[in-house]
Amino acid sequence: MKLGEALGASLSGGQVIELVADLGGGKTTFTQGLVKGLGSKDIVSSPTFTLKKVYQSGKLRIFHYDFYRLSEPGILRDELSESIGDKNAITIIEWADIVSGVLPTDRITIELKPTANDPDEREVIIRYPEQFGEVIRKLETERQEVEP
């Protein structure tokens, strides 16, 4: 949640974030932090059954898509294309394989992997284009767990 919040505070609009994790892997928790970091007071919940949720933060809209239940994205592919092109929006996508042809190459991909030692702990792998390098490296440095 704190990593999502820190990332959200650094976003300005037009970014696409792909979240990769198993069921119950922390995608919604990460999104809750990100939306909070963007300054929104909206309550974030998983869009698994609604497919899309929209949150507001000042002038920015946050589109949160979940394609888990779909075998074909249909009209949501068109909606996703529109939100990706919107400079006044942040687009968050879960289970993005079904729409991979629509996703920009300059997206931030955040993979949350469970650790063997603690079911609530996650290894976080972040893939990003160089234009986000400084922001992501700062987040990685600030959030590194340090052993005593």
C-alpha atoms as a PDB file:
ATOM      1  CA  MET A   1       0.000   0.000   0.000  1.00  0.00           C
ATOM      2  CA  LYS A   2       2.793   2.448   0.910  1.00  0.00           C
ATOM      3  CA  LEU A   3       4.656   1.769  -2.333  1.00  0.00           C
ATOM      4  CA  GLY A   4       1.450   2.431  -4.298  1.00  0.00           C
ATOM      5  CA  GLU A   5       0.914   5.642  -2.361  1.00  0.00           C
ATOM      6  CA  ALA A   6       4.469   6.826  -3.057  1.00  0.00           C
ATOM      7  CA  LEU A   7       4.116   6.041  -6.766  1.00  0.00           C
ATOM      8  CA  GLY A   8       0.724   7.765  -6.950  1.00  0.00           C
ATOM      9  CA  ALA A   9       2.190  10.932  -5.440  1.00  0.00           C
ATOM     10  CA  SER A  10       4.713  11.076  -8.305  1.00  0.00           C
ATOM     11  CA  LEU A  11       2.261  10.657 -11.203  1.00  0.00           C
ATOM     12  CA  SER A  12       0.942  13.578 -13.227  1.00  0.00           C
ATOM     13  CA  GLY A  13      -1.436  11.985 -15.733  1.00  0.00           C
ATOM     14  CA  GLY A  14      -1.183   9.964 -18.902  1.00  0.00           C
ATOM     15  CA  GLN A  15       0.539   7.008 -17.227  1.00  0.00           C
ATOM     16  CA  VAL A  16      -0.480   3.386 -17.687  1.00  0.00           C
ATOM     17  CA  ILE A  17       0.202   0.899 -14.906  1.00  0.00           C
ATOM     18  CA  GLU A  18      -0.120  -2.833 -15.401  1.00  0.00           C
ATOM     19  CA  LEU A  19      -0.476  -4.891 -12.214  1.00  0.00           C
ATOM     20  CA  VAL A  20       0.568  -8.533 -12.288  1.00  0.00           C
ATOM     21  CA  ALA A  21      -0.177 -10.925  -9.411  1.00  0.00           C
ATOM     22  CA  ASP A  22      -2.106 -14.057  -8.583  1.00  0.00           C
ATOM     23  CA  LEU A  23      -5.628 -13.883  -7.167  1.00  0.00           C
ATOM     24  CA  GLY A  24      -5.374 -12.243  -3.754  1.00  0.00           C
ATOM     25  CA  GLY A  25      -1.866 -11.087  -4.620  1.00  0.00           C
ATOM     26  CA  GLY A  26      -2.255  -7.456  -3.542  1.00  0.00           C
ATOM     27  CA  LYS A  27      -3.313  -5.678  -6.749  1.00  0.00           C
ATOM     28  CA  THR A  28      -6.279  -3.936  -5.128  1.00  0.00           C
ATOM     29  CA  THR A  29      -4.254  -3.019  -2.039  1.00  0.00           C
ATOM     30  CA  PHE A  30      -1.567  -1.502  -4.266  1.00  0.00           C
ATOM     31  CA  THR A  31      -4.265   0.409  -6.169  1.00  0.00           C
ATOM     32  CA  GLN A  32      -5.741   1.703  -2.902  1.00  0.00           C
ATOM     33  CA  GLY A  33      -2.352   3.173  -2.047  1.00  0.00           C
ATOM     34  CA  LEU A  34      -1.857   4.602  -5.526  1.00  0.00           C
ATOM     35  CA  VAL A  35      -5.265   6.311  -5.539  1.00  0.00           C
ATOM     36  CA  LYS A  36      -4.598   7.705  -2.065  1.00  0.00           C
ATOM     37  CA  GLY A  37      -1.183   8.951  -3.211  1.00  0.00           C
ATOM     38  CA  LEU A  38      -2.885  10.798  -6.052  1.00  0.00           C
ATOM     39  CA  GLY A  39      -4.945  12.657  -3.446  1.00  0.00           C
ATOM     40  CA  SER A  40      -8.282  10.957  -4.019  1.00  0.00           C
ATOM     41  CA  LYS A  41     -10.660  10.340  -1.139  1.00  0.00           C
ATOM     42  CA  ASP A  42     -12.563   7.722  -3.156  1.00  0.00           C
ATOM     43  CA  ILE A  43     -12.946   4.240  -1.715  1.00  0.00           C
ATOM     44  CA  VAL A  44     -11.132   1.717  -3.910  1.00  0.00           C
ATOM     45  CA  SER A  45     -12.470  -1.786  -4.407  1.00  0.00           C
ATOM     46  CA  SER A  46     -11.667  -4.539  -6.859  1.00  0.00           C
ATOM     47  CA  PRO A  47     -13.362  -4.187 -10.242  1.00  0.00           C
ATOM     48  CA  THR A  48     -13.395  -7.978 -10.773  1.00  0.00           C
ATOM     49  CA  PHE A  49     -17.176  -8.126 -11.139  1.00  0.00           C
ATOM     50  CA  THR A  50     -17.763  -4.659 -12.588  1.00  0.00           C
ATOM     51  CA  LEU A  51     -14.708  -4.801 -14.936  1.00  0.00           C
ATOM     52  CA  LYS A  52     -13.993  -1.078 -14.546  1.00  0.00           C
ATOM     53  CA  LYS A  53     -14.028   1.500 -11.768  1.00  0.00           C
ATOM     54  CA  VAL A  54     -13.337   5.212 -12.097  1.00  0.00           C
ATOM     55  CA  TYR A  55     -11.957   7.358  -9.293  1.00  0.00           C
ATOM     56  CA  GLN A  56     -11.449  11.115  -9.208  1.00  0.00           C
ATOM     57  CA  SER A  57      -8.501  13.110  -7.891  1.00  0.00           C
ATOM     58  CA  GLY A  58      -8.709  16.795  -8.677  1.00  0.00           C
ATOM     59  CA  LYS A  59      -8.438  17.102 -12.454  1.00  0.00           C
ATOM     60  CA  LEU A  60      -7.242  13.510 -12.850  1.00  0.00           C
ATOM     61  CA  ARG A  61      -9.455  10.513 -13.410  1.00  0.00           C
ATOM     62  CA  ILE A  62      -8.164   7.089 -12.428  1.00  0.00           C
ATOM     63  CA  PHE A  63      -9.432   4.212 -14.545  1.00  0.00           C
ATOM     64  CA  HIS A  64      -9.060   0.800 -12.899  1.00  0.00           C
ATOM     65  CA  TYR A  65      -9.698  -2.179 -15.194  1.00  0.00           C
ATOM     66  CA  ASP A  66      -9.823  -5.878 -14.318  1.00  0.00           C
ATOM     67  CA  PHE A  67     -10.018  -8.309 -17.237  1.00  0.00           C
ATOM     68  CA  TYR A  68      -9.860 -11.509 -15.156  1.00  0.00           C
ATOM     69  CA  ARG A  69     -13.393 -12.692 -15.942  1.00  0.00           C
ATOM     70  CA  LEU A  70     -13.259 -11.982 -19.681  1.00  0.00           C
ATOM     71  CA  SER A  71     -12.308 -14.244 -22.550  1.00  0.00           C
ATOM     72  CA  GLU A  72     -12.835 -11.369 -25.024  1.00  0.00           C
ATOM     73  CA  PRO A  73     -12.581  -7.685 -24.021  1.00  0.00           C
ATOM     74  CA  GLY A  74     -15.196  -6.474 -26.522  1.00  0.00           C
ATOM     75  CA  ILE A  75     -16.168  -2.833 -26.081  1.00  0.00           C
ATOM     76  CA  LEU A  76     -13.880  -2.498 -23.052  1.00  0.00           C
ATOM     77  CA  ARG A  77     -10.920  -2.647 -25.438  1.00  0.00           C
ATOM     78  CA  ASP A  78     -12.175   0.603 -27.021  1.00  0.00           C
ATOM     79  CA  GLU A  79     -12.767   2.216 -23.611  1.00  0.00           C
ATOM     80  CA  LEU A  80      -9.274   1.185 -22.537  1.00  0.00           C
ATOM     81  CA  SER A  81      -7.771   2.699 -25.695  1.00  0.00           C
ATOM     82  CA  GLU A  82      -9.489   6.004 -24.907  1.00  0.00           C
ATOM     83  CA  SER A  83      -8.334   6.111 -21.284  1.00  0.00           C
ATOM     84  CA  ILE A  84      -4.757   5.229 -22.311  1.00  0.00           C
ATOM     85  CA  GLY A  85      -4.691   8.257 -24.602  1.00  0.00           C
ATOM     86  CA  ASP A  86      -6.079  10.620 -21.951  1.00  0.00           C
ATOM     87  CA  LYS A  87      -3.370  12.874 -20.467  1.00  0.00           C
ATOM     88  CA  ASN A  88      -5.732  13.728 -17.599  1.00  0.00           C
ATOM     89  CA  ALA A  89      -6.048  10.112 -16.543  1.00  0.00           C
ATOM     90  CA  ILE A  90      -4.080   7.356 -14.880  1.00  0.00           C
ATOM     91  CA  THR A  91      -4.953   3.898 -16.213  1.00  0.00           C
ATOM     92  CA  ILE A  92      -4.459   0.826 -14.019  1.00  0.00           C
ATOM     93  CA  ILE A  93      -4.939  -2.612 -15.582  1.00  0.00           C
ATOM     94  CA  GLU A  94      -5.174  -6.020 -13.929  1.00  0.00           C
ATOM     95  CA  TRP A  95      -5.016  -9.254 -15.933  1.00  0.00           C
ATOM     96  CA  ALA A  96      -3.864  -7.366 -19.025  1.00  0.00           C
ATOM     97  CA  ASP A  97      -2.955 -10.343 -21.238  1.00  0.00           C
ATOM     98  CA  ILE A  98      -6.289 -10.161 -23.054  1.00  0.00           C
ATOM     99  CA  VAL A  99      -5.633  -6.538 -24.091  1.00  0.00           C
ATOM    100  CA  SER A 100      -1.869  -6.705 -24.598  1.00  0.00           C
ATOM    101  CA  GLY A 101      -2.210  -5.414 -28.173  1.00  0.00           C
ATOM    102  CA  VAL A 102      -3.731  -2.172 -26.896  1.00  0.00           C
ATOM    103  CA  LEU A 103      -1.193  -1.484 -24.148  1.00  0.00           C
ATOM    104  CA  PRO A 104       1.544   1.062 -24.785  1.00  0.00           C
ATOM    105  CA  THR A 105       5.143  -0.103 -24.562  1.00  0.00           C
ATOM    106  CA  ASP A 106       5.927   2.790 -22.219  1.00  0.00           C
ATOM    107  CA  ARG A 107       3.795   1.466 -19.362  1.00  0.00           C
ATOM    108  CA  ILE A 108       4.902   0.718 -15.820  1.00  0.00           C
ATOM    109  CA  THR A 109       4.483  -2.956 -14.948  1.00  0.00           C
ATOM    110  CA  ILE A 110       4.386  -3.904 -11.283  1.00  0.00           C
ATOM    111  CA  GLU A 111       4.541  -7.570 -10.412  1.00  0.00           C
ATOM    112  CA  LEU A 112       3.659  -8.648  -6.876  1.00  0.00           C
ATOM    113  CA  LYS A 113       4.976 -12.096  -5.932  1.00  0.00           C
ATOM    114  CA  PRO A 114       4.312 -13.809  -2.603  1.00  0.00           C
ATOM    115  CA  THR A 115       7.315 -14.744  -0.524  1.00  0.00           C
ATOM    116  CA  ALA A 116       7.840 -18.184   0.985  1.00  0.00           C
ATOM    117  CA  ASN A 117       8.255 -16.875   4.538  1.00  0.00           C
ATOM    118  CA  ASP A 118       5.205 -14.653   5.025  1.00  0.00           C
ATOM    119  CA  PRO A 119       1.835 -14.809   3.216  1.00  0.00           C
ATOM    120  CA  ASP A 120       1.393 -11.044   3.672  1.00  0.00           C
ATOM    121  CA  GLU A 121       4.828 -10.121   2.304  1.00  0.00           C
ATOM    122  CA  ARG A 122       5.432  -9.483  -1.415  1.00  0.00           C
ATOM    123  CA  GLU A 123       8.471  -9.309  -3.615  1.00  0.00           C
ATOM    124  CA  VAL A 124       7.874  -6.352  -5.936  1.00  0.00           C
ATOM    125  CA  ILE A 125       9.315  -6.353  -9.448  1.00  0.00           C
ATOM    126  CA  ILE A 126       8.958  -3.110 -11.393  1.00  0.00           C
ATOM    127  CA  ARG A 127       9.514  -2.861 -15.150  1.00  0.00           C
ATOM    128  CA  TYR A 128       9.424   0.614 -16.604  1.00  0.00           C
ATOM    129  CA  PRO A 129      10.567   2.738 -19.538  1.00  0.00           C
ATOM    130  CA  GLU A 130      13.545   4.982 -18.935  1.00  0.00           C
ATOM    131  CA  GLN A 131      11.363   8.087 -18.816  1.00  0.00           C
ATOM    132  CA  PHE A 132      10.198   6.861 -15.377  1.00  0.00           C
ATOM    133  CA  GLY A 133      13.673   5.766 -14.312  1.00  0.00           C
ATOM    134  CA  GLU A 134      14.394   8.492 -11.783  1.00  0.00           C
ATOM    135  CA  VAL A 135      10.986   8.185 -10.098  1.00  0.00           C
ATOM    136  CA  ILE A 136      11.105   4.383  -9.895  1.00  0.00           C
ATOM    137  CA  ARG A 137      14.724   4.224  -8.709  1.00  0.00           C
ATOM    138  CA  LYS A 138      13.828   6.691  -5.933  1.00  0.00           C
ATOM    139  CA  LEU A 139      10.864   4.516  -4.906  1.00  0.00           C
ATOM    140  CA  GLU A 140      13.012   1.386  -4.981  1.00  0.00           C
ATOM    141  CA  THR A 141      15.700   3.032  -2.842  1.00  0.00           C
ATOM    142  CA  GLU A 142      13.234   4.431  -0.309  1.00  0.00           C
ATOM    143  CA  ARG A 143      11.294   1.172  -0.002  1.00  0.00           C
ATOM    144  CA  GLN A 144      14.175  -1.311   0.182  1.00  0.00           C
ATOM    145  CA  GLU A 145      13.888  -3.448   3.276  1.00  0.00           C
ATOM    146  CA  VAL A 146      17.095  -3.164   5.265  1.00  0.00           C
ATOM    147  CA  GLU A 147      18.210  -5.964   7.546  1.00  0.00           C
ATOM    148  CA  PRO A 148      19.523  -4.791  10.952  1.00  0.00           C
END
